[in-house]
Amino acid sequence: MSKDEGGVPELTLPNSTFRFVKGPADIMSALDFRVADVAKVREAAKARGYKIEGDQFFIGGVNFRLSL
């Protein structure tokens, strides 16, 4: 485990990074994903019935945020 440039603890894997940010409770509330086609992923989530809001969707109380 290391820390990012802002001092936030992070765990870096070959294709992803987990950052551990203090919040009001110990929960996983959001995940950020870099994808090749945000619209395609957003539409696939919508087709599966997930709540869509901008470039993010929600599954089981977790916000999945999409970016390029």
PDB file of N, CA and C in Angstrom:
ATOM      1  N   MET A   1       0.869  -1.161   0.000  1.00  0.00           N
ATOM      2  CA  MET A   1       0.000   0.000   0.000  1.00  0.00           C
ATOM      3  C   MET A   1       0.913   1.219   0.000  1.00  0.00           C
ATOM      4  N   SER A   2       0.490   2.230  -0.773  1.00  0.00           N
ATOM      5  CA  SER A   2       1.234   3.479  -0.846  1.00  0.00           C
ATOM      6  C   SER A   2       0.262   4.640  -0.676  1.00  0.00           C
ATOM      7  N   LYS A   3       0.722   5.852  -0.942  1.00  0.00           N
ATOM      8  CA  LYS A   3      -0.136   7.042  -0.860  1.00  0.00           C
ATOM      9  C   LYS A   3      -0.022   7.820  -2.164  1.00  0.00           C
ATOM     10  N   ASP A   4      -1.132   8.452  -2.579  1.00  0.00           N
ATOM     11  CA  ASP A   4      -1.097   9.271  -3.784  1.00  0.00           C
ATOM     12  C   ASP A   4      -0.452  10.624  -3.473  1.00  0.00           C
ATOM     13  N   GLU A   5      -0.396  11.509  -4.476  1.00  0.00           N
ATOM     14  CA  GLU A   5       0.262  12.810  -4.288  1.00  0.00           C
ATOM     15  C   GLU A   5      -0.412  13.670  -3.220  1.00  0.00           C
ATOM     16  N   GLY A   6      -1.685  13.386  -2.912  1.00  0.00           N
ATOM     17  CA  GLY A   6      -2.397  14.126  -1.866  1.00  0.00           C
ATOM     18  C   GLY A   6      -2.315  13.465  -0.499  1.00  0.00           C
ATOM     19  N   GLY A   7      -1.571  12.347  -0.400  1.00  0.00           N
ATOM     20  CA  GLY A   7      -1.427  11.651   0.869  1.00  0.00           C
ATOM     21  C   GLY A   7      -2.518  10.643   1.162  1.00  0.00           C
ATOM     22  N   VAL A   8      -3.399  10.397   0.174  1.00  0.00           N
ATOM     23  CA  VAL A   8      -4.500   9.436   0.354  1.00  0.00           C
ATOM     24  C   VAL A   8      -3.956   8.022   0.158  1.00  0.00           C
ATOM     25  N   PRO A   9      -4.196   7.112   1.106  1.00  0.00           N
ATOM     26  CA  PRO A   9      -3.753   5.732   0.935  1.00  0.00           C
ATOM     27  C   PRO A   9      -4.371   5.116  -0.315  1.00  0.00           C
ATOM     28  N   GLU A  10      -3.554   4.367  -1.076  1.00  0.00           N
ATOM     29  CA  GLU A  10      -4.058   3.726  -2.279  1.00  0.00           C
ATOM     30  C   GLU A  10      -3.387   2.373  -2.469  1.00  0.00           C
ATOM     31  N   LEU A  11      -4.130   1.505  -3.113  1.00  0.00           N
ATOM     32  CA  LEU A  11      -3.643   0.177  -3.460  1.00  0.00           C
ATOM     33  C   LEU A  11      -3.675   0.094  -4.972  1.00  0.00           C
ATOM     34  N   THR A  12      -2.509  -0.049  -5.600  1.00  0.00           N
ATOM     35  CA  THR A  12      -2.418  -0.061  -7.052  1.00  0.00           C
ATOM     36  C   THR A  12      -2.283  -1.497  -7.551  1.00  0.00           C
ATOM     37  N   LEU A  13      -3.172  -1.865  -8.470  1.00  0.00           N
ATOM     38  CA  LEU A  13      -3.161  -3.176  -9.116  1.00  0.00           C
ATOM     39  C   LEU A  13      -2.779  -2.976 -10.577  1.00  0.00           C
ATOM     40  N   PRO A  14      -2.540  -4.041 -11.343  1.00  0.00           N
ATOM     41  CA  PRO A  14      -2.128  -3.867 -12.739  1.00  0.00           C
ATOM     42  C   PRO A  14      -3.089  -3.023 -13.589  1.00  0.00           C
ATOM     43  N   ASN A  15      -4.391  -3.126 -13.335  1.00  0.00           N
ATOM     44  CA  ASN A  15      -5.338  -2.381 -14.174  1.00  0.00           C
ATOM     45  C   ASN A  15      -6.301  -1.514 -13.362  1.00  0.00           C
ATOM     46  N   SER A  16      -5.978  -1.238 -12.107  1.00  0.00           N
ATOM     47  CA  SER A  16      -6.873  -0.412 -11.289  1.00  0.00           C
ATOM     48  C   SER A  16      -6.140   0.111 -10.059  1.00  0.00           C
ATOM     49  N   THR A  17      -6.739   1.126  -9.439  1.00  0.00           N
ATOM     50  CA  THR A  17      -6.214   1.689  -8.201  1.00  0.00           C
ATOM     51  C   THR A  17      -7.369   1.911  -7.235  1.00  0.00           C
ATOM     52  N   PHE A  18      -7.223   1.459  -6.012  1.00  0.00           N
ATOM     53  CA  PHE A  18      -8.210   1.695  -4.964  1.00  0.00           C
ATOM     54  C   PHE A  18      -7.661   2.776  -4.043  1.00  0.00           C
ATOM     55  N   ARG A  19      -8.438   3.849  -3.841  1.00  0.00           N
ATOM     56  CA  ARG A  19      -8.064   4.916  -2.911  1.00  0.00           C
ATOM     57  C   ARG A  19      -8.997   4.851  -1.712  1.00  0.00           C
ATOM     58  N   PHE A  20      -8.457   5.073  -0.539  1.00  0.00           N
ATOM     59  CA  PHE A  20      -9.216   4.965   0.696  1.00  0.00           C
ATOM     60  C   PHE A  20      -9.373   6.355   1.297  1.00  0.00           C
ATOM     61  N   VAL A  21     -10.566   6.921   1.145  1.00  0.00           N
ATOM     62  CA  VAL A  21     -10.851   8.295   1.533  1.00  0.00           C
ATOM     63  C   VAL A  21     -11.743   8.288   2.764  1.00  0.00           C
ATOM     64  N   LYS A  22     -11.415   9.109   3.756  1.00  0.00           N
ATOM     65  CA  LYS A  22     -12.239   9.197   4.964  1.00  0.00           C
ATOM     66  C   LYS A  22     -13.584   9.816   4.632  1.00  0.00           C
ATOM     67  N   GLY A  23     -14.631   9.242   5.190  1.00  0.00           N
ATOM     68  CA  GLY A  23     -15.984   9.748   5.019  1.00  0.00           C
ATOM     69  C   GLY A  23     -16.721   9.671   6.339  1.00  0.00           C
ATOM     70  N   PRO A  24     -18.025   9.973   6.311  1.00  0.00           N
ATOM     71  CA  PRO A  24     -18.797   9.964   7.551  1.00  0.00           C
ATOM     72  C   PRO A  24     -19.029   8.552   8.104  1.00  0.00           C
ATOM     73  N   ALA A  25     -18.811   7.532   7.274  1.00  0.00           N
ATOM     74  CA  ALA A  25     -19.003   6.144   7.721  1.00  0.00           C
ATOM     75  C   ALA A  25     -18.011   5.254   6.984  1.00  0.00           C
ATOM     76  N   ASP A  26     -17.754   4.080   7.531  1.00  0.00           N
ATOM     77  CA  ASP A  26     -16.870   3.117   6.881  1.00  0.00           C
ATOM     78  C   ASP A  26     -17.667   2.299   5.880  1.00  0.00           C
ATOM     79  N   ILE A  27     -17.786   2.821   4.672  1.00  0.00           N
ATOM     80  CA  ILE A  27     -18.523   2.128   3.615  1.00  0.00           C
ATOM     81  C   ILE A  27     -17.819   2.329   2.284  1.00  0.00           C
ATOM     82  N   MET A  28     -18.125   1.480   1.334  1.00  0.00           N
ATOM     83  CA  MET A  28     -17.685   1.722  -0.033  1.00  0.00           C
ATOM     84  C   MET A  28     -18.873   2.352  -0.743  1.00  0.00           C
ATOM     85  N   SER A  29     -18.763   3.631  -1.073  1.00  0.00           N
ATOM     86  CA  SER A  29     -19.896   4.339  -1.653  1.00  0.00           C
ATOM     87  C   SER A  29     -19.750   4.600  -3.139  1.00  0.00           C
ATOM     88  N   ALA A  30     -18.528   4.550  -3.674  1.00  0.00           N
ATOM     89  CA  ALA A  30     -18.345   4.860  -5.089  1.00  0.00           C
ATOM     90  C   ALA A  30     -17.084   4.202  -5.641  1.00  0.00           C
ATOM     91  N   LEU A  31     -17.142   3.905  -6.928  1.00  0.00           N
ATOM     92  CA  LEU A  31     -15.989   3.403  -7.664  1.00  0.00           C
ATOM     93  C   LEU A  31     -15.879   4.216  -8.945  1.00  0.00           C
ATOM     94  N   ASP A  32     -14.671   4.623  -9.312  1.00  0.00           N
ATOM     95  CA  ASP A  32     -14.431   5.352 -10.556  1.00  0.00           C
ATOM     96  C   ASP A  32     -13.820   4.406 -11.576  1.00  0.00           C
ATOM     97  N   PHE A  33     -14.377   4.398 -12.778  1.00  0.00           N
ATOM     98  CA  PHE A  33     -13.894   3.536 -13.848  1.00  0.00           C
ATOM     99  C   PHE A  33     -13.538   4.365 -15.068  1.00  0.00           C
ATOM    100  N   ARG A  34     -12.353   4.166 -15.613  1.00  0.00           N
ATOM    101  CA  ARG A  34     -11.980   4.741 -16.901  1.00  0.00           C
ATOM    102  C   ARG A  34     -12.316   3.692 -17.950  1.00  0.00           C
ATOM    103  N   VAL A  35     -13.136   4.084 -18.907  1.00  0.00           N
ATOM    104  CA  VAL A  35     -13.580   3.157 -19.946  1.00  0.00           C
ATOM    105  C   VAL A  35     -13.344   3.779 -21.309  1.00  0.00           C
ATOM    106  N   ALA A  36     -13.299   2.949 -22.340  1.00  0.00           N
ATOM    107  CA  ALA A  36     -13.069   3.437 -23.701  1.00  0.00           C
ATOM    108  C   ALA A  36     -14.287   4.148 -24.263  1.00  0.00           C
ATOM    109  N   ASP A  37     -15.491   3.744 -23.843  1.00  0.00           N
ATOM    110  CA  ASP A  37     -16.720   4.317 -24.390  1.00  0.00           C
ATOM    111  C   ASP A  37     -17.743   4.481 -23.264  1.00  0.00           C
ATOM    112  N   VAL A  38     -17.776   5.676 -22.682  1.00  0.00           N
ATOM    113  CA  VAL A  38     -18.667   5.951 -21.552  1.00  0.00           C
ATOM    114  C   VAL A  38     -20.125   5.707 -21.940  1.00  0.00           C
ATOM    115  N   ALA A  39     -20.537   6.192 -23.100  1.00  0.00           N
ATOM    116  CA  ALA A  39     -21.936   6.059 -23.530  1.00  0.00           C
ATOM    117  C   ALA A  39     -22.338   4.592 -23.659  1.00  0.00           C
ATOM    118  N   LYS A  40     -21.454   3.773 -24.184  1.00  0.00           N
ATOM    119  CA  LYS A  40     -21.756   2.343 -24.356  1.00  0.00           C
ATOM    120  C   LYS A  40     -21.949   1.657 -23.002  1.00  0.00           C
ATOM    121  N   VAL A  41     -21.082   1.947 -22.044  1.00  0.00           N
ATOM    122  CA  VAL A  41     -21.201   1.340 -20.714  1.00  0.00           C
ATOM    123  C   VAL A  41     -22.457   1.853 -20.018  1.00  0.00           C
ATOM    124  N   ARG A  42     -22.706   3.163 -20.124  1.00  0.00           N
ATOM    125  CA  ARG A  42     -23.901   3.762 -19.520  1.00  0.00           C
ATOM    126  C   ARG A  42     -25.169   3.132 -20.095  1.00  0.00           C
ATOM    127  N   GLU A  43     -25.223   2.944 -21.404  1.00  0.00           N
ATOM    128  CA  GLU A  43     -26.399   2.342 -22.036  1.00  0.00           C
ATOM    129  C   GLU A  43     -26.563   0.875 -21.637  1.00  0.00           C
ATOM    130  N   ALA A  44     -25.462   0.163 -21.491  1.00  0.00           N
ATOM    131  CA  ALA A  44     -25.535  -1.237 -21.049  1.00  0.00           C
ATOM    132  C   ALA A  44     -26.096  -1.313 -19.627  1.00  0.00           C
ATOM    133  N   ALA A  45     -25.683  -0.387 -18.763  1.00  0.00           N
ATOM    134  CA  ALA A  45     -26.213  -0.352 -17.389  1.00  0.00           C
ATOM    135  C   ALA A  45     -27.700  -0.015 -17.414  1.00  0.00           C
ATOM    136  N   LYS A  46     -28.078   0.935 -18.250  1.00  0.00           N
ATOM    137  CA  LYS A  46     -29.494   1.324 -18.374  1.00  0.00           C
ATOM    138  C   LYS A  46     -30.336   0.152 -18.865  1.00  0.00           C
ATOM    139  N   ALA A  47     -29.818  -0.594 -19.822  1.00  0.00           N
ATOM    140  CA  ALA A  47     -30.538  -1.751 -20.366  1.00  0.00           C
ATOM    141  C   ALA A  47     -30.755  -2.825 -19.306  1.00  0.00           C
ATOM    142  N   ARG A  48     -29.889  -2.861 -18.305  1.00  0.00           N
ATOM    143  CA  ARG A  48     -30.024  -3.834 -17.216  1.00  0.00           C
ATOM    144  C   ARG A  48     -30.888  -3.296 -16.074  1.00  0.00           C
ATOM    145  N   GLY A  49     -31.397  -2.086 -16.242  1.00  0.00           N
ATOM    146  CA  GLY A  49     -32.327  -1.536 -15.266  1.00  0.00           C
ATOM    147  C   GLY A  49     -31.700  -0.760 -14.120  1.00  0.00           C
ATOM    148  N   TYR A  50     -30.407  -0.428 -14.218  1.00  0.00           N
ATOM    149  CA  TYR A  50     -29.756   0.322 -13.150  1.00  0.00           C
ATOM    150  C   TYR A  50     -30.098   1.802 -13.266  1.00  0.00           C
ATOM    151  N   LYS A  51     -30.178   2.483 -12.147  1.00  0.00           N
ATOM    152  CA  LYS A  51     -30.454   3.912 -12.111  1.00  0.00           C
ATOM    153  C   LYS A  51     -29.259   4.654 -12.707  1.00  0.00           C
ATOM    154  N   ILE A  52     -29.536   5.517 -13.677  1.00  0.00           N
ATOM    155  CA  ILE A  52     -28.502   6.290 -14.367  1.00  0.00           C
ATOM    156  C   ILE A  52     -28.615   7.751 -13.946  1.00  0.00           C
ATOM    157  N   GLU A  53     -27.489   8.391 -13.706  1.00  0.00           N
ATOM    158  CA  GLU A  53     -27.450   9.815 -13.408  1.00  0.00           C
ATOM    159  C   GLU A  53     -26.179  10.381 -14.027  1.00  0.00           C
ATOM    160  N   GLY A  54     -26.317  11.103 -15.137  1.00  0.00           N
ATOM    161  CA  GLY A  54     -25.141  11.607 -15.845  1.00  0.00           C
ATOM    162  C   GLY A  54     -24.298  10.451 -16.335  1.00  0.00           C
ATOM    163  N   ASP A  55     -23.003  10.485 -16.054  1.00  0.00           N
ATOM    164  CA  ASP A  55     -22.092   9.408 -16.453  1.00  0.00           C
ATOM    165  C   ASP A  55     -21.806   8.469 -15.288  1.00  0.00           C
ATOM    166  N   GLN A  56     -22.864   8.145 -14.541  1.00  0.00           N
ATOM    167  CA  GLN A  56     -22.722   7.206 -13.440  1.00  0.00           C
ATOM    168  C   GLN A  56     -23.991   6.374 -13.305  1.00  0.00           C
ATOM    169  N   PHE A  57     -23.838   5.216 -12.697  1.00  0.00           N
ATOM    170  CA  PHE A  57     -24.992   4.378 -12.409  1.00  0.00           C
ATOM    171  C   PHE A  57     -24.815   3.759 -11.032  1.00  0.00           C
ATOM    172  N   PHE A  58     -25.906   3.226 -10.489  1.00  0.00           N
ATOM    173  CA  PHE A  58     -25.928   2.754  -9.109  1.00  0.00           C
ATOM    174  C   PHE A  58     -26.308   1.279  -9.047  1.00  0.00           C
ATOM    175  N   ILE A  59     -25.526   0.511  -8.286  1.00  0.00           N
ATOM    176  CA  ILE A  59     -25.807  -0.912  -8.056  1.00  0.00           C
ATOM    177  C   ILE A  59     -25.602  -1.163  -6.573  1.00  0.00           C
ATOM    178  N   GLY A  60     -26.615  -1.650  -5.896  1.00  0.00           N
ATOM    179  CA  GLY A  60     -26.491  -2.067  -4.495  1.00  0.00           C
ATOM    180  C   GLY A  60     -25.948  -0.977  -3.585  1.00  0.00           C
ATOM    181  N   GLY A  61     -26.333   0.274  -3.823  1.00  0.00           N
ATOM    182  CA  GLY A  61     -25.894   1.362  -2.979  1.00  0.00           C
ATOM    183  C   GLY A  61     -24.517   1.902  -3.318  1.00  0.00           C
ATOM    184  N   VAL A  62     -23.892   1.384  -4.379  1.00  0.00           N
ATOM    185  CA  VAL A  62     -22.576   1.848  -4.788  1.00  0.00           C
ATOM    186  C   VAL A  62     -22.720   2.617  -6.092  1.00  0.00           C
ATOM    187  N   ASN A  63     -22.092   3.787  -6.149  1.00  0.00           N
ATOM    188  CA  ASN A  63     -22.111   4.657  -7.310  1.00  0.00           C
ATOM    189  C   ASN A  63     -20.924   4.285  -8.205  1.00  0.00           C
ATOM    190  N   PHE A  64     -21.184   3.915  -9.457  1.00  0.00           N
ATOM    191  CA  PHE A  64     -20.144   3.578 -10.428  1.00  0.00           C
ATOM    192  C   PHE A  64     -19.984   4.782 -11.360  1.00  0.00           C
ATOM    193  N   ARG A  65     -18.884   5.521 -11.212  1.00  0.00           N
ATOM    194  CA  ARG A  65     -18.642   6.731 -11.990  1.00  0.00           C
ATOM    195  C   ARG A  65     -17.746   6.394 -13.177  1.00  0.00           C
ATOM    196  N   LEU A  66     -18.166   6.851 -14.360  1.00  0.00           N
ATOM    197  CA  LEU A  66     -17.475   6.521 -15.600  1.00  0.00           C
ATOM    198  C   LEU A  66     -16.733   7.743 -16.152  1.00  0.00           C
ATOM    199  N   SER A  67     -15.544   7.530 -16.677  1.00  0.00           N
ATOM    200  CA  SER A  67     -14.794   8.584 -17.354  1.00  0.00           C
ATOM    201  C   SER A  67     -13.923   7.952 -18.436  1.00  0.00           C
ATOM    202  N   LEU A  68     -13.409   8.798 -19.311  1.00  0.00           N
ATOM    203  CA  LEU A  68     -12.524   8.315 -20.391  1.00  0.00           C
ATOM    204  C   LEU A  68     -11.113   8.184 -19.901  1.00  0.00           C
TER     205      LEU A  68
END
